[in-house]
Structure formats: structure tokens, C-alpha cells
Protein backbone atom coordinates (compact mmCIF):
# COMPACT_ATOMS: atom_id res chain seq x y z
CA MET A 1 120.70 86.11 69.35
CA SER A 2 118.77 83.46 67.41
CA LYS A 3 119.35 79.76 67.78
CA SER A 4 117.72 76.37 68.30
CA GLU A 5 119.29 73.57 70.33
CA ILE A 6 118.33 70.22 71.87
CA ILE A 7 119.42 69.45 75.43
CA THR A 8 119.08 66.11 77.26
CA ARG A 9 119.41 66.51 81.01
CA PRO A 10 118.23 65.10 84.37
CA LEU A 11 114.92 66.27 85.80
CA THR A 12 115.05 69.19 88.19
CA SER A 13 113.51 68.96 91.67
CA ALA A 14 110.66 71.20 90.53
CA GLU A 15 110.00 68.98 87.50
CA ARG A 16 109.90 65.86 89.67
CA ARG A 17 107.37 67.54 91.99
CA TRP A 18 105.32 68.67 88.98
CA LEU A 19 105.36 65.15 87.53
CA ARG A 20 104.07 63.70 90.80
CA PHE A 21 101.38 66.40 90.92
CA VAL A 22 100.23 65.58 87.37
CA ALA A 23 100.16 61.86 88.18
CA THR A 24 98.03 62.44 91.28
CA ARG A 25 95.65 64.78 89.47
CA ARG A 26 95.10 62.37 86.59
CA GLU A 27 94.55 59.46 88.96
CA ARG A 28 92.01 61.47 90.96
CA PHE A 29 90.21 62.47 87.78
CA LEU A 30 89.95 58.88 86.57
CA LEU A 31 88.72 57.53 89.89
CA THR A 32 86.23 60.32 90.64
CA ALA A 33 85.07 61.63 87.27
CA ALA A 34 84.81 58.30 85.45
CA PRO A 35 81.81 57.00 87.47
CA TYR A 36 79.84 60.21 86.87
CA LEU A 37 80.74 60.24 83.20
CA MET A 38 79.72 56.61 82.75
CA LEU A 39 76.50 57.25 84.68
CA CYS A 40 75.59 60.13 82.36
CA ILE A 41 76.38 58.06 79.27
CA GLY A 42 74.39 55.14 80.68
CA VAL A 43 71.35 57.32 81.45
CA VAL A 44 71.36 58.81 77.95
CA LEU A 45 72.07 55.55 76.10
CA PHE A 46 69.85 53.13 78.01
CA GLY A 47 67.18 55.77 78.60
CA SER A 48 66.97 56.22 74.83
CA LEU A 49 66.74 52.46 74.29
CA TRP A 50 63.99 52.27 76.89
CA GLY A 51 62.10 55.08 75.17
CA LEU A 52 62.39 53.36 71.80
CA THR A 53 61.17 50.10 73.35
CA VAL A 54 58.12 51.84 74.84
CA LEU A 55 57.42 53.56 71.52
CA ALA A 56 57.66 50.27 69.60
CA THR A 57 55.39 48.55 72.14
CA LYS A 58 52.73 51.23 71.82
CA THR A 59 52.95 51.16 68.04
CA ASP A 60 52.24 47.44 67.60
CA ARG A 61 50.33 47.16 70.90
CA ALA A 62 52.29 44.07 71.85
CA GLY A 63 55.26 43.24 74.04
CA PRO A 64 56.08 44.07 77.65
CA SER A 65 54.71 47.06 79.56
CA TRP A 66 56.79 50.18 80.01
CA ARG A 67 57.57 49.12 83.58
CA VAL A 68 58.95 45.74 82.49
CA SER A 69 61.02 47.21 79.66
CA GLY A 70 62.24 49.97 81.97
CA LEU A 71 63.35 47.43 84.57
CA PHE A 72 65.12 45.39 81.87
CA TRP A 73 67.10 48.35 80.52
CA LEU A 74 67.86 49.56 84.06
CA VAL A 75 69.39 46.21 85.02
CA ALA A 76 71.19 45.88 81.68
CA GLY A 77 72.56 49.42 81.98
CA MET A 78 73.81 48.90 85.52
CA VAL A 79 75.55 45.65 84.60
CA ILE A 80 77.23 47.05 81.48
CA THR A 81 78.23 50.31 83.21
CA ALA A 82 79.72 48.40 86.17
CA TRP A 83 81.60 46.12 83.77
CA ALA A 84 83.01 49.14 81.93
CA TYR A 85 84.07 50.84 85.19
CA ARG A 86 85.89 47.68 86.20
CA ASP A 87 88.61 48.55 83.67
CA VAL A 88 89.21 52.03 85.13
CA LYS A 89 91.37 50.93 88.09
CA PRO A 90 93.72 48.73 85.99
CA HIS A 91 94.06 51.65 83.57
CA THR A 92 94.89 53.92 86.52
CA HIS A 93 97.63 51.53 87.68
CA VAL A 94 99.11 51.46 84.16
CA LEU A 95 99.09 55.26 84.06
CA GLN A 96 100.78 55.53 87.45
CA GLU A 97 103.46 53.06 86.39
CA LYS A 98 104.27 55.28 83.40
CA PHE A 99 104.88 58.22 85.71
CA ARG A 100 106.96 56.09 88.09
CA SER A 101 108.97 54.89 85.08
CA ALA A 102 109.53 58.50 84.00
CA LEU A 103 110.80 59.35 87.48
CA ARG A 104 113.18 56.39 87.38
CA GLN A 105 114.37 57.39 83.90
CA ASN A 106 115.02 60.89 85.25
CA THR A 107 115.54 62.46 81.82
CA ALA A 108 114.12 65.53 80.16
CA CYS A 109 114.53 66.40 76.49
CA GLU A 110 114.54 70.17 76.16
CA VAL A 111 114.36 71.96 72.84
CA ARG A 112 115.32 75.57 73.36
CA VAL A 113 114.54 78.22 70.78
CA CYS A 114 115.85 81.79 70.82
CA SER A 115 114.51 84.21 68.25
CA ASN A 116 113.49 87.85 67.95
CA LYS A 117 111.21 87.32 64.92
CA VAL A 118 107.96 85.37 64.74
CA ILE A 119 105.13 84.98 62.25
CA GLU A 120 101.69 83.71 63.23
CA PHE A 121 99.51 81.46 61.06
CA GLU A 122 95.86 81.97 61.98
CA ASN A 123 93.35 79.17 62.47
CA GLU A 124 89.87 79.18 63.99
CA ASN A 125 90.93 76.21 66.11
CA PHE A 126 93.81 77.44 68.28
CA ARG A 127 95.23 73.93 68.55
CA LYS A 128 95.77 73.97 64.79
CA GLY A 129 97.40 77.40 64.67
CA TRP A 130 101.13 77.75 64.03
CA TYR A 131 104.05 80.01 64.86
CA ALA A 132 107.18 80.32 62.75
CA PHE A 133 110.41 81.55 64.37
CA GLN A 134 113.43 82.79 62.46
CA VAL A 135 116.28 81.06 64.31
CA ASP A 136 119.04 82.32 62.05
CA ASP A 137 119.37 84.11 58.73
CA GLU A 138 118.31 81.07 56.70
CA GLN A 139 116.44 78.74 59.08
CA ILE A 140 112.84 78.80 60.31
CA VAL A 141 111.39 76.54 62.99
CA PHE A 142 107.64 75.87 63.19
CA VAL A 143 105.76 75.40 66.47
CA ASN A 144 102.23 74.09 66.80
CA ALA A 145 100.26 76.57 68.93
CA GLY A 146 98.40 73.69 70.59
CA PHE A 147 101.57 72.71 72.45
CA CYS A 148 101.89 76.22 73.90
CA ARG A 149 98.27 77.08 74.69
CA ARG A 150 98.85 77.09 78.48
CA SER A 151 102.10 79.03 78.44
CA ARG A 152 101.92 82.66 79.49
CA GLY A 153 103.91 85.13 77.49
CA PHE A 154 103.96 83.06 74.32
CA PRO A 155 105.22 83.59 71.64
CA ASN A 156 108.45 84.38 73.42
CA SER A 157 111.95 85.47 72.42
CA ASP A 158 113.48 82.57 74.41
CA PHE A 159 111.47 79.45 75.25
CA SER A 160 111.90 75.73 75.86
CA LEU A 161 109.69 72.80 74.93
CA VAL A 162 110.34 70.11 77.54
CA ASP A 163 109.29 66.47 77.06
CA ILE A 164 109.58 63.85 79.81
CA ALA A 165 109.63 60.21 78.70
CA ASP A 166 109.43 56.88 80.49
CA GLU A 167 112.00 54.08 80.31
CA LYS A 168 110.49 52.86 77.02
CA GLY A 169 110.89 56.24 75.39
CA ASN A 170 107.18 57.12 75.44
CA ILE A 171 106.35 60.76 76.21
CA VAL A 172 104.53 60.92 79.55
CA ALA A 173 104.24 64.68 80.02
CA GLY A 174 105.51 67.92 78.61
CA PHE A 175 105.35 71.66 79.07
CA VAL A 176 106.60 74.98 77.73
CA ARG A 177 108.85 77.32 79.71
CA SER A 178 109.37 80.93 78.66
CA HIS A 179 112.69 82.58 79.56
CA GLY A 180 112.62 85.78 77.51
CA ASP A 181 110.24 88.54 76.50
CA ARG A 182 106.84 88.35 74.86
CA LEU A 183 107.07 88.67 71.07
CA LEU A 184 104.52 90.32 68.83
CA PRO A 185 104.22 88.65 65.41
CA SER A 186 105.79 90.76 62.68
CA ARG A 187 103.15 89.33 60.36
CA THR A 188 99.93 87.34 60.68
CA ILE A 189 99.07 85.01 57.81
CA SER A 190 95.32 84.48 57.64
CA GLN A 191 93.71 81.09 57.34
CA ARG A 192 92.72 81.93 53.78
CA GLU A 193 96.30 82.86 52.83
CA ALA A 194 97.66 79.73 54.54
CA ALA A 195 95.32 77.49 52.51
CA GLY A 196 97.75 77.54 49.58
CA LEU A 197 100.84 76.92 51.70
CA ARG A 198 102.44 73.74 53.03
CA ILE A 199 102.76 74.17 56.77
CA PRO A 200 105.66 72.06 58.14
CA GLY A 201 105.23 69.76 61.13
CA HIS A 202 105.74 70.66 64.78
CA MET A 203 109.38 71.62 65.48
CA GLU A 204 110.30 71.08 61.85
CA ILE A 205 113.10 73.32 60.58
CA ILE A 206 113.16 74.55 57.00
CA ASN A 207 115.67 76.59 55.05
CA GLY A 208 114.54 80.11 54.23
CA ASN A 209 113.70 83.49 55.71
CA PHE A 210 110.57 85.47 56.42
CA GLU A 211 110.98 87.69 53.34
CA ARG A 212 110.55 84.63 51.11
CA ILE A 213 108.27 82.50 53.31
CA ASP A 214 105.33 82.62 50.87
CA ILE A 215 107.57 81.30 48.09
CA VAL A 216 109.24 78.68 50.30
CA LEU A 217 105.93 77.28 51.57
CA ARG A 218 103.91 77.59 48.37
CA VAL A 219 102.36 74.30 47.30
CA LYS A 220 103.69 73.34 43.91
CA ALA A 221 101.05 72.54 41.32
């Protein structure tokens, strides 16, 4: 059986728990990783400026000593880094509100695709790779591999792309769920072969079949 359908439904209990887990993990990352990241950037940036200042001072043999310039850039770096980190907590609160809004909205948009035929479009960057599924005799749906990189058993004969949005309609989180069996591509189109083809957008459906896919996707001169 091959088909593609869109389902709008309430969040399951597991999805609500997963959403809370993602919210907590992202908040923890922002509050714990951001200071270290900013410290590293500050050391590299202001350390480089200090080094250039010392080099310029030695070149023209004028200006402050390396200790004075070092103290200046140290103070300047600490002030600017602290000012930048000040915006992290407000950003964290905004992020958490988006997840709370998604929980209140309590809606998942699920696109389910069933197919027993798939073609893979190769790309050195996996995020830019593509899969094409034959969903009926004359319709093909394209899926960006970047959206499915963490899903085991993909490409799959029966899978769902689930998006969870907040009350404003903005996508907060999403995932892929596989229901069927792992599919092996019936054909792999190399990056060189794909260069002359127009690859449709993510979840775009075109008319055609795999036997004529090169003709259907060929870029017209």
C-alpha cells in the first residue's frame, strides 16, 4: 500500500513528556554551555587584539607596555562578555514560553507516508541529501534527509514526520517516527547525476513515476 496523508491530532502523553524533556535540555544547554562558549570566544578575540596591540607597540616603540594593554583588553573583554551573557536568560525564558505555548496548543501535525519504493539522491553533506518515495502510480514525494538523520530504520516503508507548533503556528519541535520496515533504495542517483536535475522541496509532491524521474526532473534549457 502506498499513500501520503496529513493528520492533525492532539499530542500523546509520550509526546508531551518528550517536549518537556527537550525544553529542559535546551534550557540547561543555554545556561551551562553559553558561559564557556562566550569565554572561549572572548579569550580568542580579545587575546588576538591584545597580541596585535603588543605587536604594534613594539613596531613603533611607543604606546603602553604589554602589561597595560593586556589589562585594558582583559577588562574590556570581561565587560563585553558579561554584557553579552546578560541576554542569555531572557532568551531562555522566551524559549521556555514557546514550549509552554506548544503544550497549551496541544496539537501535532503528522504527515504519514507509506511506500514500498524509494530512490536516494546522494550528497556529500547528509543534510542536503534527498529521498524520493513513490506514493502511488503517478505521485512522488520528496523528503530532505536532514529531517530524518536521527531516525533509525530510515528510509522506511511507513513513516511519519511530526511537527509540534505553538499557539502562533511556529514550529517548536519535530521528529520522525518509523512504523514499517527498512527500505533499500531501488536506485541511487549520484551527486553528479543530480546536478542537472531540479530537486523539489521538502515534502513536495510531483506527478510522475520512478521510470521517468530523470525526464520529470530534468532542468529545461
